């Protein structure tokens, strides 16, 4: 199964296009984050890297201001829930709604 631009709501198509244009290392970092996000699309990172900072600067991930623990907490694709669910399925994660 291949993800298509037309499988997404219009509001999320710009995010999908931005993801396709990311450099390879940032795509790999995002893929790893997708694999470790929880059902609320939150991922904890003990040591943020330059690629994480780049994804944060592009608003693909957004720092969680309420997190007070060690490391950093990020919302992954917070503004694109449909895209997030499809990418998590590709990442081998079970769909919590099925």
Protein backbone atom coordinates (compact mmCIF):
# COMPACT_ATOMS: atom_id res chain seq x y z
CA UNK A 1 0.00 0.00 0.00
CA UNK A 2 1.36 3.39 -0.97
CA UNK A 3 0.34 6.66 0.59
CA UNK A 4 -1.07 9.20 -1.84
CA UNK A 5 -1.70 12.90 -1.51
CA UNK A 6 -5.35 12.26 -2.38
CA UNK A 7 -5.76 9.91 0.62
CA UNK A 8 -5.47 12.87 2.98
CA UNK A 9 -7.74 15.79 3.89
CA UNK A 10 -6.91 19.02 2.09
CA UNK A 11 -5.72 20.58 5.35
CA UNK A 12 -2.99 17.90 5.71
CA UNK A 13 -1.78 17.75 2.11
CA UNK A 14 0.71 20.61 2.63
CA UNK A 15 2.26 18.72 5.56
CA UNK A 16 2.61 15.60 3.40
CA UNK A 17 4.30 17.63 0.66
CA UNK A 18 6.69 19.16 3.21
CA UNK A 19 7.58 15.68 4.51
CA UNK A 20 8.43 14.47 1.02
CA UNK A 21 10.84 17.39 0.59
CA UNK A 22 12.79 16.75 3.81
CA UNK A 23 16.46 15.75 3.60
CA UNK A 24 17.05 12.02 4.01
CA UNK A 25 18.53 12.26 7.52
CA UNK A 26 15.55 14.25 8.77
CA UNK A 27 13.19 11.68 7.21
CA UNK A 28 15.03 8.91 9.05
CA UNK A 29 14.78 10.83 12.32
CA UNK A 30 11.07 11.45 11.80
CA UNK A 31 10.53 7.77 11.01
CA UNK A 32 12.23 6.80 14.27
CA UNK A 33 10.08 9.29 16.18
CA UNK A 34 6.94 7.85 14.56
CA UNK A 35 7.88 4.41 15.82
CA UNK A 36 8.19 5.62 19.41
CA UNK A 37 5.20 7.93 19.69
CA UNK A 38 2.35 7.04 21.99
CA UNK A 39 -1.35 7.15 21.17
CA UNK A 40 -1.42 10.89 21.88
CA UNK A 41 1.35 11.47 19.30
CA UNK A 42 3.90 12.32 21.99
CA UNK A 43 7.50 11.13 21.86
CA UNK A 44 10.12 11.45 24.61
CA UNK A 45 13.68 12.11 23.49
CA UNK A 46 16.49 11.87 26.04
CA UNK A 47 19.04 13.76 23.91
CA UNK A 48 17.66 15.90 21.04
CA UNK A 49 19.86 15.94 17.94
CA UNK A 50 20.38 18.51 15.20
CA UNK A 51 17.83 16.66 13.06
CA UNK A 52 15.26 16.87 15.85
CA UNK A 53 15.94 20.61 16.13
CA UNK A 54 15.48 20.96 12.36
CA UNK A 55 12.14 19.12 12.47
CA UNK A 56 11.08 21.35 15.37
CA UNK A 57 12.06 24.48 13.42
CA UNK A 58 9.89 23.28 10.51
CA UNK A 59 6.96 22.65 12.91
CA UNK A 60 6.78 18.98 11.96
CA UNK A 61 7.33 18.23 15.62
CA UNK A 62 6.42 20.67 18.39
CA UNK A 63 7.95 20.76 21.85
CA UNK A 64 5.55 19.82 24.63
CA UNK A 65 5.59 22.81 27.02
CA UNK A 66 3.88 20.85 29.81
CA UNK A 67 6.59 18.18 30.11
CA UNK A 68 8.77 18.59 33.21
CA UNK A 69 10.84 15.37 33.18
CA UNK A 70 14.33 14.72 31.89
CA UNK A 71 14.99 15.01 28.18
CA UNK A 72 12.48 16.61 25.83
CA UNK A 73 8.93 15.74 24.90
CA UNK A 74 7.56 16.47 21.43
CA UNK A 75 4.22 16.26 19.69
CA UNK A 76 4.78 14.53 16.34
CA UNK A 77 2.67 15.78 13.41
CA UNK A 78 0.28 17.44 15.82
CA UNK A 79 -1.62 19.28 13.08
CA UNK A 80 -1.95 16.24 10.81
CA UNK A 81 -3.71 13.43 12.72
CA UNK A 82 -4.86 11.52 9.62
CA UNK A 83 -1.37 11.54 8.14
CA UNK A 84 0.07 10.50 11.51
CA UNK A 85 -2.27 7.51 11.73
CA UNK A 86 -1.37 6.37 8.20
CA UNK A 87 2.37 6.75 8.80
CA UNK A 88 2.16 4.87 12.10
CA UNK A 89 0.49 2.02 10.23
CA UNK A 90 3.42 1.97 7.80
CA UNK A 91 5.81 2.02 10.74
CA UNK A 92 4.41 -1.30 11.94
CA UNK A 93 2.42 0.07 14.83
CA UNK A 94 -1.07 -1.25 15.42
CA UNK A 95 -3.95 1.13 14.92
CA UNK A 96 -5.44 1.74 18.40
CA UNK A 97 -8.90 2.24 16.90
CA UNK A 98 -9.13 -1.08 15.06
